[in-house]
Amino acid sequence: MRLIPAPAGSGIVFRRSDLDNFEIPATGRNVARVSYATSLMRQGVLIQTTEHLLSALVGLGVDNVIVEIDNLEVPILDGSALPYVTAILANGFKAQRRKREYIRILKPIEVHEGSKFIGVYPGEGYSIHYSIDFPEPIGRDTFIGDLEAGAYADLIAPARTFGFQEDEAMLRNMGLIRGVSDESAIILTRSTATHTGSVQNGPLRFPDEFVRHKVLDLIGDLALAGRRIWGHVVAERAGHAMHTALVQKLLRDRSTWELAHRCEASAASHPESAALTLAHSPALQPSHV
């Protein structure tokens, strides 16, 4: 896989180099499956596990890029967005001759599923309030932060995906976690008898790494709106299905948002108001992907 600079207005586009360079734009209209990961499909051509790479791109403010890949699954690497962030930052950015457009939220829009919930509301910046509640050893936790503060690379990108060892066979039978190993995810075990569990391959990178990874996933899934959100996101025990359901509901109801150029305040991470692409293709080594 490699990332290629793209013209202004291109957005994020996956290109299957093994299928005559067939292109799949990263938009909510192309969401195919959202079971444990977010997959895109167009005309029967599939791209799986897109959320970590999309999160890295949005987290760093990259507006336009072509993701050239010769398989159907985006590399999981270490289970976080950090390897992508490291490569992109080492590569650098190029400002483009077009102002960056945001999806500015005008009215609340929500998705409910029993006790689970996600909503997006008018607000300044790109603030996120995410709560999780999993069996032990994860438990309940909450993360509150603002993507516009510019700390994505340090506070969100390193957080790794996680899963229970008991679910491995089921996930592999579903065609998922093809590249997962002890080096690419936090592996957990659960005890139904004592209602406890343990981390099999610690230590954690953050005490609250689990909820930070859910925020990482959220940012990647909401990238499918096509532009960076300008508003306040609240999620309670949500996941890929609810993240993408919110995107699709948002895209269907044009009265809830507007396209806007942000000039009244500058982003801490990228003060430029121009759209950004990559300076050139990052050096993603084959041994890492």
Protein backbone atom coordinates (compact mmCIF):
# COMPACT_ATOMS: atom_id res chain seq x y z
CA MET A 1 0.00 0.00 0.00
CA ARG A 2 1.12 3.54 -0.64
CA LEU A 3 -0.37 7.01 -0.20
CA ILE A 4 -0.26 9.36 -3.18
CA PRO A 5 -0.85 13.16 -3.26
CA ALA A 6 -4.18 14.05 -4.86
CA PRO A 7 -5.58 17.23 -6.45
CA ALA A 8 -7.70 19.62 -4.40
CA GLY A 9 -11.31 18.48 -4.20
CA SER A 10 -10.44 14.78 -4.59
CA GLY A 11 -11.10 13.77 -1.01
CA ILE A 12 -9.81 10.40 0.18
CA VAL A 13 -9.99 7.72 -2.51
CA PHE A 14 -8.96 4.05 -2.31
CA ARG A 15 -7.50 2.66 -5.53
CA ARG A 16 -7.23 -1.13 -6.01
CA SER A 17 -4.03 -1.46 -8.04
CA ASP A 18 -4.67 -5.21 -8.39
CA LEU A 19 -8.03 -4.53 -10.08
CA ASP A 20 -7.13 -2.14 -12.91
CA ASN A 21 -6.85 0.79 -10.49
CA PHE A 22 -10.55 0.63 -9.61
CA GLU A 23 -11.41 3.52 -7.28
CA ILE A 24 -13.64 3.59 -4.19
CA PRO A 25 -14.17 7.05 -2.67
CA ALA A 26 -14.19 7.05 1.13
CA THR A 27 -17.77 8.23 1.62
CA GLY A 28 -20.75 7.04 3.62
CA ARG A 29 -22.53 6.05 0.42
CA ASN A 30 -19.97 3.30 -0.12
CA VAL A 31 -20.20 1.70 3.34
CA ALA A 32 -20.59 -2.06 2.90
CA ARG A 33 -20.08 -3.80 6.23
CA VAL A 34 -19.53 -2.54 9.74
CA SER A 35 -19.09 -5.73 11.76
CA TYR A 36 -16.04 -5.20 14.02
CA ALA A 37 -14.48 -3.02 11.29
CA THR A 38 -15.61 -0.62 8.58
CA SER A 39 -15.55 -1.85 4.98
CA LEU A 40 -16.30 0.03 1.78
CA MET A 41 -17.65 -1.39 -1.47
CA ARG A 42 -18.38 -0.02 -4.92
CA GLN A 43 -19.65 -2.15 -7.80
CA GLY A 44 -18.71 -5.30 -5.91
CA VAL A 45 -15.13 -4.22 -5.17
CA LEU A 46 -14.30 -4.29 -1.46
CA ILE A 47 -11.90 -2.48 0.88
CA GLN A 48 -11.85 -3.73 4.49
CA THR A 49 -10.65 -2.22 7.82
CA THR A 50 -10.44 1.36 6.59
CA GLU A 51 -10.96 3.15 9.89
CA HIS A 52 -7.40 3.39 11.27
CA LEU A 53 -5.92 4.88 8.11
CA LEU A 54 -8.88 7.26 7.66
CA SER A 55 -8.49 8.32 11.29
CA ALA A 56 -4.80 9.11 10.77
CA LEU A 57 -5.55 11.18 7.67
CA VAL A 58 -8.33 13.20 9.29
CA GLY A 59 -6.45 13.49 12.56
CA LEU A 60 -3.51 15.10 10.76
CA GLY A 61 -5.67 17.30 8.53
CA VAL A 62 -5.04 15.58 5.19
CA ASP A 63 -7.94 16.48 2.88
CA ASN A 64 -6.96 14.89 -0.43
CA VAL A 65 -5.08 11.63 -0.97
CA ILE A 66 -5.18 8.47 -3.07
CA VAL A 67 -4.67 5.23 -1.14
CA GLU A 68 -3.23 2.73 -3.60
CA ILE A 69 -3.58 -0.84 -2.33
CA ASP A 70 -3.16 -4.26 -3.97
CA ASN A 71 -5.51 -6.21 -1.70
CA LEU A 72 -8.87 -5.91 0.00
CA GLU A 73 -7.65 -5.28 3.56
CA VAL A 74 -5.89 -2.15 4.76
CA PRO A 75 -2.81 -3.23 6.77
CA ILE A 76 -3.43 -3.32 10.51
CA LEU A 77 0.27 -2.78 11.37
CA ASP A 78 0.46 -2.45 15.19
CA GLY A 79 -3.30 -2.11 15.62
CA SER A 80 -3.20 1.67 15.98
CA ALA A 81 -2.88 4.67 13.66
CA LEU A 82 0.62 5.50 14.87
CA PRO A 83 2.63 3.88 12.02
CA TYR A 84 0.55 5.83 9.49
CA VAL A 85 0.93 9.06 11.43
CA THR A 86 4.71 8.57 11.71
CA ALA A 87 5.08 8.02 7.95
CA ILE A 88 2.82 10.94 7.02
CA LEU A 89 4.55 13.38 9.38
CA ALA A 90 7.97 12.32 8.10
CA ASN A 91 6.72 12.93 4.56
CA GLY A 92 5.18 16.36 5.11
CA PHE A 93 2.21 18.25 3.67
CA LYS A 94 1.50 20.53 0.76
CA ALA A 95 -1.03 23.37 0.97
CA GLN A 96 -3.39 23.49 -2.01
CA ARG A 97 -5.03 26.40 -3.78
CA ARG A 98 -8.43 25.79 -2.30
CA LYS A 99 -9.85 26.62 1.10
CA ARG A 100 -10.60 23.68 3.35
CA GLU A 101 -14.30 22.95 3.69
CA TYR A 102 -15.84 21.66 6.90
CA ILE A 103 -19.19 20.08 7.64
CA ARG A 104 -20.50 22.63 10.13
CA ILE A 105 -23.27 21.10 12.24
CA LEU A 106 -26.38 23.30 12.38
CA LYS A 107 -28.88 21.08 14.20
CA PRO A 108 -28.59 18.05 16.48
CA ILE A 109 -28.76 14.65 14.83
CA GLU A 110 -28.79 11.40 16.80
CA VAL A 111 -28.83 7.61 16.44
CA HIS A 112 -30.18 5.37 19.23
CA GLU A 113 -30.01 1.61 19.66
CA GLY A 114 -31.36 0.52 23.01
CA SER A 115 -29.02 1.93 25.65
CA LYS A 116 -26.42 2.77 23.00
CA PHE A 117 -26.32 6.25 21.54
CA ILE A 118 -24.37 8.64 19.31
CA GLY A 119 -25.14 12.23 18.37
CA VAL A 120 -23.53 15.28 16.84
CA TYR A 121 -24.39 18.84 17.81
CA PRO A 122 -23.47 22.41 16.88
CA GLY A 123 -20.27 23.55 18.53
CA GLU A 124 -16.83 25.01 18.01
CA GLY A 125 -13.93 22.78 17.04
CA TYR A 126 -14.28 19.00 16.75
CA SER A 127 -14.94 17.96 20.33
CA ILE A 128 -15.60 14.34 21.28
CA HIS A 129 -17.15 12.86 24.43
CA TYR A 130 -16.97 9.05 24.25
CA SER A 131 -17.98 6.54 26.92
CA ILE A 132 -17.51 2.75 26.83
CA ASP A 133 -18.73 -0.09 29.03
CA PHE A 134 -17.18 -3.52 28.35
CA PRO A 135 -16.70 -6.70 30.38
CA GLU A 136 -13.64 -6.76 32.62
CA PRO A 137 -10.77 -6.10 32.38
CA ILE A 138 -11.93 -3.08 30.33
CA GLY A 139 -14.89 -1.84 32.35
CA ARG A 140 -16.38 1.63 31.98
CA ASP A 141 -14.36 4.65 30.88
CA THR A 142 -14.79 8.06 29.26
CA PHE A 143 -12.60 10.22 27.05
CA ILE A 144 -13.22 13.93 26.42
CA GLY A 145 -11.10 15.90 23.98
CA ASP A 146 -11.01 18.19 20.97
CA LEU A 147 -9.41 17.13 17.70
CA GLU A 148 -8.74 20.78 16.87
CA ALA A 149 -6.37 20.99 19.83
CA GLY A 150 -3.76 19.32 17.65
CA ALA A 151 -2.81 16.45 19.96
CA TYR A 152 -4.12 13.58 17.79
CA ALA A 153 -0.64 12.15 17.10
CA ASP A 154 0.20 11.93 20.80
CA LEU A 155 -3.12 11.21 22.50
CA ILE A 156 -5.17 9.18 20.02
CA ALA A 157 -3.02 7.65 17.27
CA PRO A 158 -1.02 5.25 19.53
CA ALA A 159 -4.14 3.59 21.00
CA ARG A 160 -4.40 0.00 19.72
CA THR A 161 -7.36 -2.11 18.75
CA PHE A 162 -8.38 -4.79 21.22
CA GLY A 163 -10.34 -8.01 21.33
CA PHE A 164 -11.11 -11.05 23.44
CA GLN A 165 -9.15 -14.20 22.70
CA GLU A 166 -12.34 -16.24 22.88
CA ASP A 167 -13.73 -14.37 19.82
CA GLU A 168 -10.74 -15.04 17.54
CA ALA A 169 -12.13 -18.12 15.75
CA MET A 170 -15.47 -16.41 15.10
CA LEU A 171 -13.82 -13.30 13.65
CA ARG A 172 -11.49 -15.28 11.41
CA ASN A 173 -14.45 -17.29 10.12
CA MET A 174 -16.06 -13.97 9.21
CA GLY A 175 -13.02 -13.09 7.07
CA LEU A 176 -11.79 -10.49 9.55
CA ILE A 177 -8.52 -9.94 11.47
CA ARG A 178 -6.50 -11.57 8.68
CA GLY A 179 -3.33 -9.82 9.79
CA VAL A 180 -3.84 -9.78 13.54
CA SER A 181 -1.18 -11.12 15.90
CA ASP A 182 -0.02 -10.42 19.44
CA GLU A 183 1.97 -7.50 18.00
CA SER A 184 -1.04 -5.86 16.31
CA ALA A 185 -3.75 -5.82 18.99
CA ILE A 186 -4.38 -5.89 22.71
CA ILE A 187 -5.45 -9.46 23.45
CA LEU A 188 -7.83 -9.97 26.36
CA THR A 189 -9.33 -12.98 28.11
CA ARG A 190 -12.59 -13.08 30.05
CA SER A 191 -13.76 -15.24 32.91
CA THR A 192 -17.51 -15.80 32.98
CA ALA A 193 -17.27 -17.58 36.33
CA THR A 194 -15.60 -14.74 38.25
CA HIS A 195 -16.60 -11.83 35.95
CA THR A 196 -12.95 -10.87 35.63
CA GLY A 197 -10.44 -10.85 32.83
CA SER A 198 -6.85 -10.01 31.98
CA VAL A 199 -4.63 -8.40 29.37
CA GLN A 200 -2.49 -11.08 27.77
CA ASN A 201 0.11 -8.90 26.06
CA GLY A 202 0.54 -5.75 28.13
CA PRO A 203 1.54 -3.22 29.16
CA LEU A 204 -1.04 -0.72 27.91
CA ARG A 205 0.18 2.45 26.24
CA PHE A 206 -2.36 4.50 28.23
CA PRO A 207 -4.39 3.58 31.32
CA ASP A 208 -7.48 4.38 29.24
CA GLU A 209 -6.18 2.96 25.94
CA PHE A 210 -9.44 1.13 25.20
CA VAL A 211 -11.64 4.23 25.09
CA ARG A 212 -8.95 6.17 23.23
CA HIS A 213 -9.02 3.51 20.53
CA LYS A 214 -12.78 3.87 20.24
CA VAL A 215 -12.23 7.59 19.68
CA LEU A 216 -9.65 6.69 17.00
CA ASP A 217 -12.25 4.48 15.30
CA LEU A 218 -14.89 7.19 15.57
CA ILE A 219 -12.69 9.78 13.85
CA GLY A 220 -11.96 7.32 11.04
CA ASP A 221 -15.61 6.36 10.58
CA LEU A 222 -16.83 9.98 10.61
CA ALA A 223 -14.28 10.72 7.88
CA LEU A 224 -16.81 9.01 5.61
CA ALA A 225 -18.88 12.21 5.80
CA GLY A 226 -16.39 13.44 3.21
CA ARG A 227 -15.03 16.37 5.20
CA ARG A 228 -13.91 17.10 8.72
CA ILE A 229 -16.72 17.69 11.22
CA TRP A 230 -17.12 21.10 12.90
CA GLY A 231 -19.23 20.36 15.95
CA HIS A 232 -19.57 18.30 19.12
CA VAL A 233 -19.84 14.48 19.05
CA VAL A 234 -21.19 12.46 21.98
CA ALA A 235 -21.11 8.64 21.97
CA GLU A 236 -22.27 6.15 24.59
CA ARG A 237 -21.29 2.50 23.99
CA ALA A 238 -21.37 3.07 20.23
CA GLY A 239 -19.32 1.24 17.60
CA HIS A 240 -18.66 1.08 13.86
CA ALA A 241 -22.29 0.39 12.97
CA MET A 242 -23.57 3.39 14.90
CA HIS A 243 -20.73 5.64 13.76
CA THR A 244 -21.50 4.97 10.12
CA ALA A 245 -25.26 5.11 10.71
CA LEU A 246 -24.74 8.65 12.01
CA VAL A 247 -22.75 9.54 8.88
CA GLN A 248 -25.49 8.20 6.60
CA LYS A 249 -28.23 9.97 8.55
CA LEU A 250 -26.22 13.19 8.39
CA LEU A 251 -25.71 12.93 4.64
CA ARG A 252 -29.41 12.26 4.07
CA ASP A 253 -30.58 15.33 6.02
CA ARG A 254 -28.98 18.36 4.37
CA SER A 255 -30.81 20.70 6.76
CA THR A 256 -28.61 19.61 9.67
CA TRP A 257 -25.32 20.93 8.29
CA GLU A 258 -23.65 23.28 5.85
CA LEU A 259 -20.31 23.41 4.08
CA ALA A 260 -18.23 26.18 5.59
CA HIS A 261 -14.75 27.64 5.43
CA ARG A 262 -13.31 28.22 8.85
CA CYS A 263 -11.58 31.56 9.05
CA GLU A 264 -12.68 32.94 12.43
CA ALA A 265 -10.29 30.64 14.35
CA SER A 266 -7.17 28.70 13.43
CA ALA A 267 -6.63 24.99 14.02
CA ALA A 268 -3.79 24.32 16.40
CA SER A 269 -2.59 21.37 14.37
CA HIS A 270 -2.66 23.05 10.96
CA PRO A 271 -3.15 26.83 11.04
CA GLU A 272 -3.46 27.03 7.26
CA SER A 273 -6.98 27.48 5.94
CA ALA A 274 -5.97 25.78 2.69
CA ALA A 275 -6.74 22.14 1.96
CA LEU A 276 -3.79 19.78 2.45
CA THR A 277 -2.41 16.85 0.54
CA LEU A 278 0.85 14.94 0.98
CA ALA A 279 4.11 16.53 -0.15
CA HIS A 280 4.95 13.21 -1.86
CA SER A 281 4.26 9.53 -1.28
CA PRO A 282 5.22 8.43 2.27
CA ALA A 283 7.77 5.68 2.65
CA LEU A 284 5.64 2.79 3.92
CA GLN A 285 8.03 -0.12 3.87
CA PRO A 286 6.72 -3.50 2.60
CA SER A 287 7.85 -5.20 5.79
CA HIS A 288 5.46 -2.94 7.70
CA VAL A 289 2.39 -3.41 5.55
